[in-house]
Protein backbone atom coordinates (compact mmCIF):
# COMPACT_ATOMS: atom_id res chain seq x y z
CA MET A 1 -8.45 40.17 -25.78
CA ALA A 2 -11.35 39.44 -23.45
CA ASP A 3 -10.29 35.79 -23.15
CA GLN A 4 -6.71 36.82 -22.42
CA SER A 5 -7.89 39.29 -19.76
CA ALA A 6 -10.05 36.63 -18.13
CA GLY A 7 -7.12 34.22 -18.14
CA ASP A 8 -4.88 36.83 -16.54
CA ASN A 9 -7.48 37.45 -13.84
CA ARG A 10 -7.73 33.75 -13.09
CA ASP A 11 -3.93 33.52 -12.82
CA ALA A 12 -3.93 36.49 -10.46
CA ASP A 13 -6.66 34.88 -8.36
CA ARG A 14 -4.71 31.64 -8.26
CA GLN A 15 -1.53 33.42 -7.14
CA ARG A 16 -3.41 35.34 -4.45
CA ILE A 17 -4.91 32.16 -3.06
CA VAL A 18 -1.56 30.38 -3.01
CA SER A 19 0.41 33.26 -1.55
CA GLY A 20 -2.10 34.52 0.95
CA PRO A 21 -1.52 37.86 2.69
CA GLY A 22 1.98 39.28 2.59
CA SER A 23 4.83 38.75 0.20
CA LEU A 24 6.17 35.44 -1.02
CA ASP A 25 9.12 35.82 1.35
CA ASP A 26 7.21 36.37 4.57
CA ARG A 27 4.23 34.06 4.18
CA GLU A 28 3.98 30.96 6.34
CA ARG A 29 5.02 27.59 4.93
CA ILE A 30 1.80 25.88 3.92
CA LEU A 31 2.92 22.48 5.23
CA GLY A 32 4.58 23.84 8.36
CA ALA A 33 2.99 22.43 11.50
CA ASP A 34 3.62 25.47 13.69
CA ALA A 35 0.57 27.50 14.64
CA GLY A 36 0.31 30.93 13.03
CA ASP A 37 -2.20 33.75 13.19
CA ASP A 38 -4.63 31.85 10.98
CA GLU A 39 -4.51 28.94 13.44
CA ARG A 40 -5.52 31.12 16.36
CA THR A 41 -8.35 32.78 14.44
CA GLY A 42 -9.71 29.92 12.37
CA ILE A 43 -8.37 26.45 13.09
CA SER A 44 -8.97 26.70 16.85
CA ALA A 45 -12.71 26.65 16.13
CA LEU A 46 -12.28 23.19 14.57
CA ARG A 47 -10.62 21.63 17.60
CA PRO A 48 -12.53 19.00 19.61
CA ARG A 49 -13.48 20.26 23.05
CA THR A 50 -14.31 16.99 24.81
CA LEU A 51 -12.95 13.46 24.89
CA ASP A 52 -16.07 12.24 23.09
CA GLU A 53 -15.51 14.71 20.24
CA TYR A 54 -11.89 13.54 19.92
CA ASP A 55 -13.04 10.36 18.23
CA VAL A 56 -10.39 10.00 15.50
CA GLY A 57 -6.85 8.80 16.19
CA GLN A 58 -4.78 8.62 19.38
CA GLU A 59 -7.22 6.05 20.80
CA ARG A 60 -4.81 4.76 23.43
CA ILE A 61 -4.22 8.27 24.75
CA ILE A 62 -7.92 9.13 24.84
CA ASP A 63 -8.77 5.90 26.66
CA GLY A 64 -5.99 6.50 29.19
CA LEU A 65 -7.05 10.09 29.82
CA ARG A 66 -10.67 9.06 30.22
CA VAL A 67 -9.69 6.65 32.99
CA ALA A 68 -7.30 9.08 34.71
CA ILE A 69 -9.76 11.99 34.59
CA GLY A 70 -12.65 9.84 35.75
CA ALA A 71 -10.63 8.55 38.70
CA ALA A 72 -9.46 12.03 39.70
CA ARG A 73 -12.99 13.43 39.55
CA SER A 74 -14.39 10.55 41.61
CA ARG A 75 -11.82 11.31 44.33
CA SER A 76 -12.38 15.08 44.02
CA ASP A 77 -8.64 15.29 43.44
CA VAL A 78 -6.49 17.08 40.89
CA LEU A 79 -5.24 15.16 37.87
CA GLU A 80 -1.61 14.10 37.89
CA HIS A 81 0.81 16.16 35.84
CA VAL A 82 0.68 15.18 32.15
CA LEU A 83 3.42 15.30 29.50
CA PHE A 84 2.64 15.06 25.78
CA ASP A 85 5.43 14.36 23.31
CA GLY A 86 5.30 14.32 19.54
CA PRO A 87 5.81 16.33 16.35
CA PRO A 88 3.96 19.64 15.96
CA GLY A 89 0.33 19.68 14.90
CA LEU A 90 -0.83 16.32 16.28
CA GLY A 91 -3.10 17.63 19.05
CA LYS A 92 -1.03 18.34 22.17
CA THR A 93 -2.58 21.78 22.72
CA THR A 94 -6.04 20.41 21.96
CA LEU A 95 -5.63 17.66 24.54
CA ALA A 96 -4.54 20.18 27.18
CA HIS A 97 -7.74 22.18 26.66
CA ILE A 98 -9.79 18.98 26.70
CA ILE A 99 -8.26 18.02 30.06
CA ALA A 100 -9.23 21.40 31.52
CA HIS A 101 -12.75 21.11 30.12
CA GLU A 102 -13.26 17.56 31.40
CA MET A 103 -11.95 18.51 34.84
CA GLY A 104 -14.19 21.59 34.91
CA SER A 105 -11.15 23.80 35.47
CA ALA A 106 -9.67 26.96 34.04
CA ILE A 107 -6.53 26.75 31.93
CA GLN A 108 -3.53 29.07 31.80
CA VAL A 109 -1.41 28.82 28.66
CA SER A 110 2.26 29.69 28.32
CA SER A 111 5.39 28.41 26.59
CA GLY A 112 8.94 27.59 27.58
CA PRO A 113 10.60 30.50 25.74
CA ALA A 114 8.07 32.99 27.20
CA LEU A 115 9.01 32.18 30.80
CA GLU A 116 12.36 33.93 30.86
CA ARG A 117 12.58 34.68 34.60
CA ALA A 118 11.55 32.87 37.73
CA SER A 119 9.22 35.74 38.60
CA ASP A 120 7.26 35.04 35.39
CA LEU A 121 6.53 31.50 36.53
CA VAL A 122 5.83 32.50 40.14
CA GLY A 123 3.30 35.09 39.00
CA ILE A 124 1.40 32.48 37.00
CA LEU A 125 1.51 29.79 39.69
CA THR A 126 0.30 32.05 42.48
CA ASN A 127 -2.72 33.05 40.41
CA LEU A 128 -3.84 29.47 39.82
CA SER A 129 -6.90 28.27 41.72
CA ALA A 130 -7.30 24.76 43.07
CA GLY A 131 -7.62 22.25 40.22
CA ASP A 132 -6.59 24.68 37.47
CA VAL A 133 -4.51 23.50 34.53
CA LEU A 134 -1.23 25.15 33.56
CA PHE A 135 -0.24 24.32 29.99
CA ILE A 136 3.39 24.96 28.99
CA ASP A 137 4.14 24.39 25.33
CA GLU A 138 7.70 23.58 24.23
CA ILE A 139 8.49 22.87 27.86
CA HIS A 140 11.95 21.57 26.95
CA ARG A 141 12.95 25.18 26.22
CA LEU A 142 12.40 26.37 29.78
CA PRO A 143 15.45 28.19 31.17
CA SER A 144 17.15 26.09 33.86
CA VAL A 145 16.57 28.69 36.58
CA VAL A 146 12.84 28.65 35.85
CA GLU A 147 12.69 24.87 35.58
CA GLU A 148 14.15 24.45 39.07
CA TYR A 149 11.25 26.35 40.56
CA LEU A 150 8.87 23.87 38.93
CA TYR A 151 10.30 20.92 40.86
CA SER A 152 8.90 21.84 44.27
CA ALA A 153 5.78 23.35 42.70
CA MET A 154 4.94 20.07 40.96
CA GLU A 155 5.77 17.82 43.91
CA ASP A 156 4.80 19.82 47.01
CA PHE A 157 2.72 22.68 45.55
CA ARG A 158 5.15 25.05 47.15
CA ILE A 159 7.74 27.55 45.98
CA ASP A 160 10.65 28.94 47.97
CA PHE A 161 11.13 32.27 46.27
CA VAL A 162 14.48 33.98 46.90
CA VAL A 163 14.50 37.77 47.01
CA ASP A 164 17.50 40.11 47.17
CA SER A 165 21.02 38.72 47.06
CA GLY A 166 24.18 38.40 49.08
CA PRO A 167 23.87 39.02 52.84
CA TYR A 168 20.36 40.45 52.32
CA ALA A 169 19.01 37.39 50.54
CA LYS A 170 16.00 35.72 52.10
CA THR A 171 13.60 32.99 51.16
CA ILE A 172 9.87 33.54 51.03
CA PRO A 173 7.84 30.30 51.12
CA LEU A 174 4.77 30.44 48.90
CA GLU A 175 2.06 27.81 49.26
CA LEU A 176 0.25 26.99 46.03
CA ASP A 177 -3.20 25.60 45.38
CA PRO A 178 -3.03 22.08 43.91
CA PHE A 179 -2.88 22.30 40.11
CA THR A 180 -2.20 20.13 37.07
CA LEU A 181 0.77 20.91 34.85
CA VAL A 182 0.36 19.80 31.24
CA GLY A 183 3.61 19.98 29.32
CA ALA A 184 4.06 19.61 25.57
CA THR A 185 7.33 18.99 23.80
CA THR A 186 8.52 18.11 20.32
CA ARG A 187 11.84 16.91 21.75
CA SER A 188 11.40 14.76 24.80
CA GLY A 189 15.09 13.85 24.68
CA MET A 190 15.96 17.44 25.62
CA LEU A 191 13.97 17.30 28.85
CA THR A 192 16.10 16.99 31.95
CA PRO A 193 15.53 13.78 33.95
CA PRO A 194 14.40 15.65 37.13
CA LEU A 195 11.63 17.39 35.18
CA ARG A 196 10.57 14.35 33.17
CA ASN A 197 10.35 12.17 36.28
CA ARG A 198 7.91 14.55 37.96
CA PHE A 199 5.21 13.88 35.38
CA GLY A 200 2.86 11.12 36.46
CA ILE A 201 1.32 10.61 33.01
CA PHE A 202 3.33 10.52 29.78
CA TYR A 203 1.97 10.03 26.27
CA HIS A 204 3.60 10.06 22.83
CA LEU A 205 1.38 11.24 19.96
CA ASP A 206 1.70 9.39 16.66
CA PHE A 207 1.10 10.60 13.13
CA TYR A 208 -2.43 10.06 11.81
CA THR A 209 -3.22 7.61 9.04
CA PRO A 210 -4.76 8.88 5.76
CA GLU A 211 -8.04 7.23 6.73
CA GLN A 212 -8.09 9.08 10.05
CA LEU A 213 -7.25 12.36 8.33
CA GLU A 214 -10.16 11.82 5.93
CA LYS A 215 -12.51 11.67 8.91
CA ILE A 216 -10.92 14.78 10.43
CA VAL A 217 -11.18 16.83 7.23
CA THR A 218 -14.76 15.68 6.67
CA ARG A 219 -15.70 16.81 10.18
CA SER A 220 -13.92 20.14 9.69
CA ALA A 221 -15.66 20.70 6.35
CA ALA A 222 -19.02 20.20 8.03
CA LEU A 223 -18.13 22.76 10.70
CA LEU A 224 -16.99 25.23 8.02
CA GLU A 225 -20.13 24.47 5.97
CA VAL A 226 -18.02 23.44 2.98
CA THR A 227 -19.26 20.89 0.43
CA LEU A 228 -16.58 18.18 0.31
CA ASP A 229 -16.98 14.84 -1.40
CA GLU A 230 -15.19 11.62 -0.52
CA GLU A 231 -12.56 11.83 -3.26
CA GLY A 232 -11.80 15.46 -2.42
CA ALA A 233 -11.33 14.52 1.23
CA ARG A 234 -8.97 11.73 0.20
CA GLN A 235 -6.90 14.10 -1.95
CA ILE A 236 -6.43 16.51 0.96
CA ALA A 237 -5.83 13.81 3.57
CA CYS A 238 -3.14 11.93 1.66
CA ARG A 239 -1.09 15.13 1.25
CA SER A 240 -1.32 16.30 4.87
CA ARG A 241 1.82 14.60 6.23
CA GLY A 242 -0.11 12.66 8.86
CA THR A 243 -0.83 15.88 10.74
CA ALA A 244 -4.24 17.14 11.86
CA ARG A 245 -3.23 20.80 11.87
CA ILE A 246 -2.00 20.61 8.29
CA VAL A 247 -5.13 18.85 7.00
CA ASN A 248 -7.27 21.65 8.43
CA ARG A 249 -4.99 24.31 6.99
CA LEU A 250 -5.06 22.71 3.54
CA LEU A 251 -8.84 22.46 3.73
CA ARG A 252 -9.12 26.21 4.23
CA ARG A 253 -6.79 26.97 1.34
CA VAL A 254 -8.57 24.52 -0.98
CA ARG A 255 -11.90 26.01 0.09
CA ASP A 256 -10.68 29.44 -1.06
CA PHE A 257 -9.49 27.93 -4.33
CA ALA A 258 -12.84 26.20 -4.91
CA GLN A 259 -14.79 29.40 -4.27
CA VAL A 260 -12.73 31.47 -6.73
CA MET A 261 -11.85 28.88 -9.38
CA GLY A 262 -14.98 26.71 -9.14
CA ASP A 263 -18.48 26.67 -7.69
CA GLY A 264 -17.40 26.21 -4.06
CA THR A 265 -17.60 22.41 -4.07
CA ILE A 266 -14.40 20.53 -3.27
CA ASP A 267 -14.13 17.40 -5.41
CA GLU A 268 -11.13 15.36 -6.54
CA ALA A 269 -10.33 17.59 -9.52
CA ILE A 270 -10.46 20.92 -7.70
CA ALA A 271 -8.52 19.52 -4.73
CA ALA A 272 -5.78 18.16 -7.00
CA GLU A 273 -5.58 21.45 -8.94
CA ALA A 274 -5.38 23.44 -5.70
CA MET A 275 -2.64 21.20 -4.34
CA GLU A 276 -0.64 21.57 -7.54
CA ALA A 277 -0.94 25.35 -7.27
CA LEU A 278 0.18 25.17 -3.63
CA GLY A 279 3.20 23.07 -4.61
CA VAL A 280 2.12 20.04 -2.59
CA ASP A 281 2.68 16.76 -4.42
CA ALA A 282 0.88 13.43 -4.10
CA MET A 283 3.11 12.31 -1.20
CA GLY A 284 2.61 15.53 0.75
CA LEU A 285 6.03 16.99 -0.07
CA ASP A 286 6.44 20.71 -0.68
CA ASP A 287 9.30 22.75 -2.13
CA LEU A 288 11.42 22.59 1.04
CA ASP A 289 11.10 18.81 1.25
CA ARG A 290 12.09 18.40 -2.38
CA LYS A 291 15.00 20.83 -2.01
CA TYR A 292 16.18 18.83 1.01
CA LEU A 293 16.14 15.56 -0.94
CA LEU A 294 17.72 17.13 -4.02
CA ALA A 295 20.52 18.63 -1.94
CA LEU A 296 21.14 15.30 -0.23
CA ILE A 297 21.17 13.41 -3.53
CA ASP A 298 22.91 15.94 -5.81
CA TYR A 299 25.42 17.58 -3.47
CA TYR A 300 26.15 14.65 -1.17
CA GLU A 301 25.52 11.73 -3.55
CA GLY A 302 22.66 10.47 -1.43
CA GLY A 303 24.59 10.65 1.85
CA PRO A 304 25.55 10.14 4.51
CA ALA A 305 25.50 13.88 5.23
CA GLY A 306 25.23 15.77 8.50
CA VAL A 307 22.14 17.84 9.20
CA ASN A 308 24.27 20.92 9.87
CA ALA A 309 25.81 20.61 6.40
CA LEU A 310 22.37 20.22 4.83
CA ALA A 311 21.09 23.25 6.76
CA ALA A 312 24.00 25.34 5.47
CA THR A 313 23.46 24.15 1.92
CA LEU A 314 19.75 24.99 2.00
CA GLY A 315 20.12 28.19 4.01
CA GLU A 316 17.63 26.87 6.56
CA ASP A 317 17.73 26.59 10.32
CA GLN A 318 18.87 23.19 11.57
CA ASP A 319 15.94 22.95 14.00
CA THR A 320 13.52 23.47 11.10
CA LEU A 321 14.98 20.49 9.26
CA GLU A 322 15.01 18.28 12.35
CA ASP A 323 11.55 19.22 13.66
CA VAL A 324 9.55 19.85 10.48
CA VAL A 325 11.14 18.22 7.44
CA GLU A 326 12.89 15.08 8.61
CA PRO A 327 10.17 13.41 10.77
CA TYR A 328 7.82 13.01 7.83
CA LEU A 329 10.57 11.91 5.42
CA LEU A 330 11.62 9.30 7.96
CA MET A 331 8.04 8.12 8.43
CA ILE A 332 7.41 7.56 4.70
CA GLY A 333 10.78 5.87 4.19
CA PHE A 334 12.48 8.54 2.07
CA LEU A 335 15.26 9.12 4.59
CA ILE A 336 17.47 7.09 6.90
CA ARG A 337 19.16 8.64 9.91
CA THR A 338 22.48 6.98 10.75
CA PRO A 339 25.30 7.87 13.18
CA ARG A 340 27.29 9.21 10.20
CA GLY A 341 24.48 11.35 8.84
CA ARG A 342 21.36 11.31 6.68
CA VAL A 343 21.00 8.89 3.78
CA ALA A 344 18.39 9.07 1.00
CA THR A 345 16.57 5.84 0.17
CA GLN A 346 15.66 4.38 -3.21
CA ARG A 347 12.08 5.55 -2.64
CA ALA A 348 13.33 9.14 -2.52
CA TYR A 349 15.29 8.67 -5.77
CA ASP A 350 12.23 7.24 -7.51
CA HIS A 351 9.86 9.91 -6.23
CA ILE A 352 12.12 12.82 -7.17
CA GLY A 353 12.70 11.20 -10.56
CA ILE A 354 16.47 10.91 -10.33
CA ALA A 355 18.05 7.93 -12.03
CA GLY A 356 20.53 5.96 -10.00
CA LYS A 357 20.81 3.66 -7.04
CA ALA A 358 20.58 4.90 -3.48
CA PRO A 359 23.68 4.38 -1.32
CA GLU A 360 23.68 1.59 1.20
CA PRO A 361 23.63 2.65 4.88
CA PRO A 362 27.06 2.36 6.55
CA ALA A 363 27.76 -1.29 7.35
CA GLY A 364 27.70 -2.39 10.95
CA GLN A 365 25.68 0.62 12.14
CA GLU A 366 22.05 0.65 13.14
CA ASN A 367 19.71 3.42 12.07
CA LEU A 368 19.09 6.07 14.69
CA PRO A 369 15.53 6.57 15.98
CA LEU A 370 13.51 9.72 15.31
CA GLU A 371 14.44 11.29 18.67
């Protein structure tokens, strides 16, 4: 009876670690790259704060920013407006804070959906001091009426604010202190040309390699004072979908697992056991990824199938599939995006363990890019 009770307690501990706070229905997806409450309270402490600390991955971007920031500081000028594009969790927010730190400026943070009215944007802009950085995440989701006010603010550091309406309407010119706008987007194709063309510096962030993620998780483990060996780091890195935010999140969850189910040390065995409990396989796929591939293969015979049909089949939001699930499946070659829809590859069939041959992409049609 004592052994059975101990086993039940271990199972309960394992379930608590996997589920985290809240019910199974409302907890955050472990491999989701969106920032949650745990990101703001824990992962933010792991972010590099200077260009020198950002020493893993995105080398071309770091080198370019180092030159641009150095030139701007030598002229005592503000940095040109910067636009970062790429999937969630690759470091766009981190780079915005690094720019502010390197320029010795304050940073104001907002997001496209939060700026619902022109007055919201005007209030932020008028409170910026010379050289400050305004970071707008998901800038492609700015309402058009708000976006139009950005045009003159970015080019001329001036806003013509219209008050009242009809015969009583009047324009109040507002002069702004020179500032740097840093925009981040996961969908650069949704940016309007007038807004995109006003950014002087544009960078696309790429997924990290497993080797780069090993260095990131090793650095994070040192900051968290967690004992992590080389094989344990490799286990976490190879399942992190090429994303820095996810590798740090997995590290924290594996750390909890190691403390409860082991002696606190993260080695290959404890990392693999924790990942199995979390439902993350050797390729970094979780339940949603596998359900996506199974639906595509079982219901649509491997494709082609439209993303709206797949979203309806899975009961998921279409944006979630396009922004979170599909980019990684495309990167590892499990999915092909064609003009007629999504097509599963032979690699996906083999990984899921389904016998059969993957369908050939429609003849005479090129695969569509990620964007």
